């Protein structure tokens, strides 16, 4: 449906321009966009792109959360290993203290033997 000459003149078009445009400009009616296949296709593509982007964001966030969980598990494993290493260090320090005590006792015995 075309715009009428009167509607174009009311909109402020000159009589000549109104006459030219009256035959060329379609009148918009409710639902025109849904009848236009190109508009429907483009809006479908835009909606699909939006939903796809949203889906990838959700997948990325869930993958990131699983990576964080794996890192937490690895960190707890590292902490357990560090605790085991600290325990071994403490045991070695105890042995070194025991060896130093024995060496001090041996040195005392040697000093006594050398004094006799």
N, C-alpha and C. Protein backbone atom coordinates (compact mmCIF):
# COMPACT_ATOMS: atom_id res chain seq x y z
N UNK A 1 0.85 -1.17 0.00
CA UNK A 1 0.00 0.00 0.00
C UNK A 1 0.89 1.24 0.00
N UNK A 2 0.61 2.19 -0.86
CA UNK A 2 1.44 3.38 -0.98
C UNK A 2 0.88 4.50 -0.11
N UNK A 3 1.78 5.42 0.20
CA UNK A 3 1.33 6.62 0.92
C UNK A 3 0.53 7.49 -0.03
N UNK A 4 -0.44 8.16 0.51
CA UNK A 4 -1.27 9.02 -0.35
C UNK A 4 -0.61 10.37 -0.51
N UNK A 5 -1.01 11.06 -1.54
CA UNK A 5 -0.49 12.38 -1.84
C UNK A 5 -0.77 13.34 -0.70
N UNK A 6 -1.96 13.23 -0.11
CA UNK A 6 -2.34 14.12 0.99
C UNK A 6 -1.46 13.89 2.22
N UNK A 7 -1.15 12.62 2.49
CA UNK A 7 -0.32 12.30 3.66
C UNK A 7 1.08 12.87 3.50
N UNK A 8 1.62 12.80 2.29
CA UNK A 8 2.96 13.34 2.05
C UNK A 8 2.96 14.86 2.15
N UNK A 9 1.93 15.50 1.66
CA UNK A 9 1.85 16.96 1.74
C UNK A 9 1.68 17.41 3.18
N UNK A 10 0.91 16.66 3.98
CA UNK A 10 0.77 16.99 5.40
C UNK A 10 2.10 16.84 6.12
N UNK A 11 2.93 15.90 5.65
CA UNK A 11 4.23 15.68 6.28
C UNK A 11 5.23 16.76 5.91
N UNK A 12 4.87 17.64 4.96
CA UNK A 12 5.74 18.76 4.63
C UNK A 12 6.45 18.63 3.30
N UNK A 13 6.10 17.64 2.49
CA UNK A 13 6.73 17.48 1.18
C UNK A 13 6.11 18.46 0.19
N UNK A 14 6.91 18.93 -0.74
CA UNK A 14 6.39 19.82 -1.78
C UNK A 14 5.42 19.02 -2.65
N UNK A 15 4.51 19.71 -3.34
CA UNK A 15 3.53 18.97 -4.17
C UNK A 15 4.19 18.07 -5.21
N UNK A 16 5.30 18.54 -5.81
CA UNK A 16 5.97 17.72 -6.82
C UNK A 16 6.60 16.48 -6.19
N UNK A 17 7.30 16.70 -5.06
CA UNK A 17 7.93 15.57 -4.37
C UNK A 17 6.88 14.61 -3.84
N UNK A 18 5.79 15.15 -3.33
CA UNK A 18 4.71 14.31 -2.81
C UNK A 18 4.14 13.44 -3.92
N UNK A 19 4.00 14.03 -5.13
CA UNK A 19 3.47 13.27 -6.25
C UNK A 19 4.43 12.13 -6.65
N UNK A 20 5.73 12.41 -6.64
CA UNK A 20 6.73 11.39 -7.01
C UNK A 20 6.77 10.28 -5.96
N UNK A 21 6.79 10.68 -4.71
CA UNK A 21 6.94 9.70 -3.64
C UNK A 21 5.67 8.91 -3.36
N UNK A 22 4.53 9.46 -3.71
CA UNK A 22 3.27 8.79 -3.40
C UNK A 22 3.20 7.41 -4.02
N UNK A 23 3.81 7.25 -5.17
CA UNK A 23 3.77 5.96 -5.84
C UNK A 23 4.92 5.05 -5.41
N UNK A 24 5.98 5.59 -4.81
CA UNK A 24 7.17 4.78 -4.54
C UNK A 24 7.34 4.34 -3.09
N UNK A 25 6.84 5.09 -2.15
CA UNK A 25 7.03 4.74 -0.74
C UNK A 25 5.90 3.86 -0.26
N UNK A 26 6.20 2.68 0.25
CA UNK A 26 5.14 1.83 0.78
C UNK A 26 4.67 2.34 2.14
N UNK A 27 3.42 2.14 2.43
CA UNK A 27 2.87 2.52 3.73
C UNK A 27 3.17 1.39 4.70
N UNK A 28 3.62 1.74 5.88
CA UNK A 28 3.95 0.72 6.88
C UNK A 28 2.69 0.32 7.62
N UNK A 29 2.50 -0.93 7.71
CA UNK A 29 1.38 -1.47 8.47
C UNK A 29 1.93 -2.39 9.54
N UNK A 30 1.20 -2.58 10.63
CA UNK A 30 1.68 -3.48 11.67
C UNK A 30 1.94 -4.87 11.09
N UNK A 31 3.07 -5.42 11.44
CA UNK A 31 3.41 -6.75 10.98
C UNK A 31 4.20 -6.77 9.69
N UNK A 32 4.59 -5.57 9.16
CA UNK A 32 5.37 -5.55 7.92
C UNK A 32 6.69 -6.29 8.06
N UNK A 33 7.34 -6.12 9.19
CA UNK A 33 8.63 -6.78 9.36
C UNK A 33 8.51 -8.29 9.34
N UNK A 34 7.42 -8.80 9.88
CA UNK A 34 7.27 -10.26 9.89
C UNK A 34 6.89 -10.79 8.52
N UNK A 35 6.41 -9.93 7.64
CA UNK A 35 6.07 -10.37 6.28
C UNK A 35 7.27 -10.26 5.35
N UNK A 36 8.26 -9.49 5.74
CA UNK A 36 9.44 -9.31 4.91
C UNK A 36 10.43 -10.45 5.18
N UNK A 37 10.68 -11.30 4.21
CA UNK A 37 11.57 -12.45 4.45
C UNK A 37 12.98 -12.05 4.83
N UNK A 38 13.47 -10.94 4.28
CA UNK A 38 14.84 -10.51 4.59
C UNK A 38 14.93 -10.07 6.05
N UNK A 39 13.93 -9.33 6.53
CA UNK A 39 13.92 -8.90 7.93
C UNK A 39 13.83 -10.09 8.86
N UNK A 40 13.01 -11.06 8.50
CA UNK A 40 12.88 -12.26 9.32
C UNK A 40 14.20 -13.02 9.35
N UNK A 41 14.84 -13.15 8.19
CA UNK A 41 16.12 -13.86 8.11
C UNK A 41 17.19 -13.15 8.92
N UNK A 42 17.29 -11.83 8.75
CA UNK A 42 18.32 -11.08 9.48
C UNK A 42 18.08 -11.11 10.99
N UNK A 43 16.83 -10.98 11.39
CA UNK A 43 16.56 -11.03 12.83
C UNK A 43 16.83 -12.43 13.37
N UNK A 44 16.56 -13.46 12.57
CA UNK A 44 16.88 -14.83 12.99
C UNK A 44 18.37 -15.04 13.13
N UNK A 45 19.13 -14.49 12.20
CA UNK A 45 20.60 -14.60 12.27
C UNK A 45 21.11 -13.86 13.50
N UNK A 46 20.58 -12.66 13.74
CA UNK A 46 21.02 -11.89 14.91
C UNK A 46 20.69 -12.63 16.20
N UNK A 47 19.50 -13.21 16.28
CA UNK A 47 19.11 -13.96 17.47
C UNK A 47 19.99 -15.19 17.65
N UNK A 48 20.27 -15.89 16.55
CA UNK A 48 21.13 -17.08 16.63
C UNK A 48 22.54 -16.70 17.07
N UNK A 49 23.06 -15.59 16.55
CA UNK A 49 24.40 -15.14 16.95
C UNK A 49 24.42 -14.78 18.43
N UNK A 50 23.38 -14.11 18.89
CA UNK A 50 23.32 -13.74 20.31
C UNK A 50 23.27 -14.98 21.19
N UNK A 51 22.40 -15.93 20.83
CA UNK A 51 22.27 -17.15 21.64
C UNK A 51 23.55 -17.98 21.59
N UNK A 52 24.19 -18.00 20.43
CA UNK A 52 25.45 -18.74 20.30
C UNK A 52 26.52 -18.11 21.19
N UNK A 53 26.60 -16.79 21.16
CA UNK A 53 27.57 -16.10 22.01
C UNK A 53 27.29 -16.35 23.48
N UNK A 54 26.03 -16.28 23.84
CA UNK A 54 25.64 -16.55 25.22
C UNK A 54 26.01 -17.98 25.62
N UNK A 55 25.75 -18.92 24.72
CA UNK A 55 26.10 -20.32 24.99
C UNK A 55 27.59 -20.51 25.18
N UNK A 56 28.39 -19.88 24.31
CA UNK A 56 29.85 -20.02 24.45
C UNK A 56 30.33 -19.39 25.76
N UNK A 57 29.71 -18.29 26.17
CA UNK A 57 30.09 -17.68 27.45
C UNK A 57 29.79 -18.62 28.61
N UNK A 58 28.63 -19.26 28.57
CA UNK A 58 28.26 -20.21 29.63
C UNK A 58 29.23 -21.39 29.64
N UNK A 59 29.53 -21.91 28.45
CA UNK A 59 30.47 -23.04 28.37
C UNK A 59 31.84 -22.60 28.88
N UNK A 60 32.27 -21.40 28.50
CA UNK A 60 33.56 -20.90 28.97
C UNK A 60 33.61 -20.74 30.47
N UNK A 61 32.53 -20.24 31.05
CA UNK A 61 32.50 -20.07 32.50
C UNK A 61 32.51 -21.41 33.22
N UNK A 62 31.77 -22.39 32.71
CA UNK A 62 31.77 -23.70 33.36
C UNK A 62 33.12 -24.37 33.21
N UNK A 63 33.78 -24.18 32.06
CA UNK A 63 35.12 -24.73 31.86
C UNK A 63 36.11 -24.05 32.81
N UNK A 64 35.96 -22.76 32.98
CA UNK A 64 36.82 -22.03 33.90
C UNK A 64 36.62 -22.51 35.33
N UNK A 65 35.38 -22.76 35.71
CA UNK A 65 35.12 -23.26 37.06
C UNK A 65 35.73 -24.64 37.25
N UNK A 66 35.66 -25.50 36.24
CA UNK A 66 36.27 -26.83 36.38
C UNK A 66 37.78 -26.72 36.45
N UNK A 67 38.37 -25.74 35.74
CA UNK A 67 39.82 -25.52 35.85
C UNK A 67 40.19 -25.06 37.25
N UNK A 68 39.36 -24.21 37.84
CA UNK A 68 39.62 -23.73 39.20
C UNK A 68 39.55 -24.90 40.19
N UNK A 69 38.58 -25.79 40.00
CA UNK A 69 38.46 -26.95 40.88
C UNK A 69 39.70 -27.83 40.74
N UNK A 70 40.16 -28.05 39.49
CA UNK A 70 41.37 -28.85 39.29
C UNK A 70 42.59 -28.19 39.94
N UNK A 71 42.68 -26.87 39.82
CA UNK A 71 43.81 -26.16 40.44
C UNK A 71 43.75 -26.27 41.96
N UNK A 72 42.54 -26.20 42.52
CA UNK A 72 42.40 -26.36 43.97
C UNK A 72 42.85 -27.75 44.40
N UNK A 73 42.49 -28.76 43.62
CA UNK A 73 42.91 -30.13 43.95
C UNK A 73 44.43 -30.25 43.88
N UNK A 74 45.01 -29.66 42.85
CA UNK A 74 46.47 -29.71 42.72
C UNK A 74 47.15 -28.97 43.86
N UNK A 75 46.58 -27.83 44.24
CA UNK A 75 47.17 -27.07 45.35
C UNK A 75 47.09 -27.85 46.65
N UNK A 76 46.00 -28.55 46.88
CA UNK A 76 45.91 -29.35 48.10
C UNK A 76 46.93 -30.48 48.05
N UNK A 77 47.16 -31.06 46.86
CA UNK A 77 48.20 -32.08 46.72
C UNK A 77 49.58 -31.52 46.99
N UNK A 78 49.84 -30.32 46.50
CA UNK A 78 51.14 -29.67 46.74
C UNK A 78 51.30 -29.37 48.23
N UNK A 79 50.23 -28.91 48.88
CA UNK A 79 50.30 -28.63 50.31
C UNK A 79 50.58 -29.90 51.11
N UNK A 80 49.98 -31.03 50.68
CA UNK A 80 50.24 -32.29 51.38
C UNK A 80 51.70 -32.69 51.20
N UNK A 81 52.24 -32.52 49.99
CA UNK A 81 53.65 -32.84 49.75
C UNK A 81 54.57 -31.94 50.56
N UNK A 82 54.21 -30.66 50.64
CA UNK A 82 55.03 -29.73 51.44
C UNK A 82 55.02 -30.14 52.91
N UNK A 83 53.87 -30.55 53.41
CA UNK A 83 53.79 -31.01 54.80
C UNK A 83 54.65 -32.24 55.00
N UNK A 84 54.62 -33.17 54.03
CA UNK A 84 55.46 -34.37 54.13
C UNK A 84 56.93 -34.00 54.10
N UNK A 85 57.31 -33.04 53.26
CA UNK A 85 58.71 -32.60 53.21
C UNK A 85 59.13 -31.94 54.52
N UNK A 86 58.24 -31.14 55.09
CA UNK A 86 58.55 -30.51 56.37
C UNK A 86 58.72 -31.57 57.46
N UNK A 87 57.88 -32.60 57.44
CA UNK A 87 58.03 -33.70 58.41
C UNK A 87 59.37 -34.40 58.23
N UNK A 88 59.76 -34.65 56.98
CA UNK A 88 61.06 -35.28 56.72
C UNK A 88 62.21 -34.40 57.19
N UNK A 89 62.07 -33.08 56.95
CA UNK A 89 63.12 -32.16 57.43
C UNK A 89 63.23 -32.21 58.94
N UNK A 90 62.11 -32.24 59.62
CA UNK A 90 62.12 -32.32 61.08
C UNK A 90 62.78 -33.62 61.53
N UNK A 91 62.47 -34.73 60.86
CA UNK A 91 63.09 -36.02 61.21
C UNK A 91 64.60 -35.96 60.97
N UNK A 92 65.03 -35.36 59.86
CA UNK A 92 66.47 -35.23 59.59
C UNK A 92 67.15 -34.34 60.63
N UNK A 93 66.49 -33.26 61.01
CA UNK A 93 67.06 -32.38 62.05
C UNK A 93 67.21 -33.14 63.36
N UNK A 94 66.21 -33.98 63.69
CA UNK A 94 66.31 -34.80 64.91
C UNK A 94 67.48 -35.76 64.82
N UNK A 95 67.68 -36.39 63.65
CA UNK A 95 68.81 -37.31 63.48
C UNK A 95 70.14 -36.58 63.60
N UNK A 96 70.20 -35.39 62.97
CA UNK A 96 71.44 -34.61 63.06
C UNK A 96 71.72 -34.24 64.50
N UNK A 97 70.69 -33.85 65.24
CA UNK A 97 70.87 -33.53 66.66
C UNK A 97 71.37 -34.76 67.41
N UNK A 98 70.81 -35.94 67.11
CA UNK A 98 71.27 -37.18 67.74
C UNK A 98 72.71 -37.49 67.40
N UNK A 99 73.08 -37.30 66.14
CA UNK A 99 74.47 -37.54 65.72
C UNK A 99 75.41 -36.56 66.41
N UNK A 100 75.01 -35.30 66.50
CA UNK A 100 75.85 -34.31 67.18
C UNK A 100 76.03 -34.67 68.65
N UNK A 101 74.96 -35.16 69.28
CA UNK A 101 75.05 -35.58 70.69
C UNK A 101 76.02 -36.74 70.83
N UNK A 102 75.91 -37.73 69.94
CA UNK A 102 76.83 -38.87 69.99
C UNK A 102 78.27 -38.43 69.75
N UNK A 103 78.46 -37.52 68.78
CA UNK A 103 79.82 -37.04 68.50
C UNK A 103 80.39 -36.30 69.70
N UNK A 104 79.54 -35.55 70.39
CA UNK A 104 80.02 -34.84 71.58
C UNK A 104 80.43 -35.85 72.64
N UNK A 105 79.64 -36.94 72.78
CA UNK A 105 80.01 -37.99 73.74
C UNK A 105 81.30 -38.67 73.35
N UNK A 106 81.49 -38.94 72.06
CA UNK A 106 82.73 -39.57 71.59
C UNK A 106 83.91 -38.65 71.82
N UNK A 107 83.73 -37.35 71.57
CA UNK A 107 84.81 -36.39 71.80
C UNK A 107 85.20 -36.35 73.27
N UNK A 108 84.23 -36.42 74.16
CA UNK A 108 84.52 -36.42 75.60
C UNK A 108 85.32 -37.67 75.96
N UNK A 109 84.92 -38.82 75.42
CA UNK A 109 85.65 -40.07 75.70
C UNK A 109 87.07 -39.99 75.17
N UNK A 110 87.22 -39.43 73.96
CA UNK A 110 88.57 -39.29 73.40
C UNK A 110 89.42 -38.36 74.25
N UNK A 111 88.82 -37.26 74.71
CA UNK A 111 89.56 -36.33 75.57
C UNK A 111 90.00 -37.02 76.85
N UNK A 112 89.11 -37.83 77.46
CA UNK A 112 89.46 -38.56 78.69
C UNK A 112 90.57 -39.57 78.42
N UNK A 113 90.46 -40.27 77.29
CA UNK A 113 91.48 -41.27 76.96
C UNK A 113 92.83 -40.61 76.70
N UNK A 114 92.78 -39.46 76.04
CA UNK A 114 94.03 -38.77 75.75
C UNK A 114 94.64 -38.17 77.01
N UNK A 115 93.85 -37.83 78.00
CA UNK A 115 94.35 -37.26 79.24
C UNK A 115 94.95 -38.33 80.13
N UNK A 116 94.60 -39.56 79.98
CA UNK A 116 95.11 -40.64 80.83
C UNK A 116 96.43 -41.09 80.41
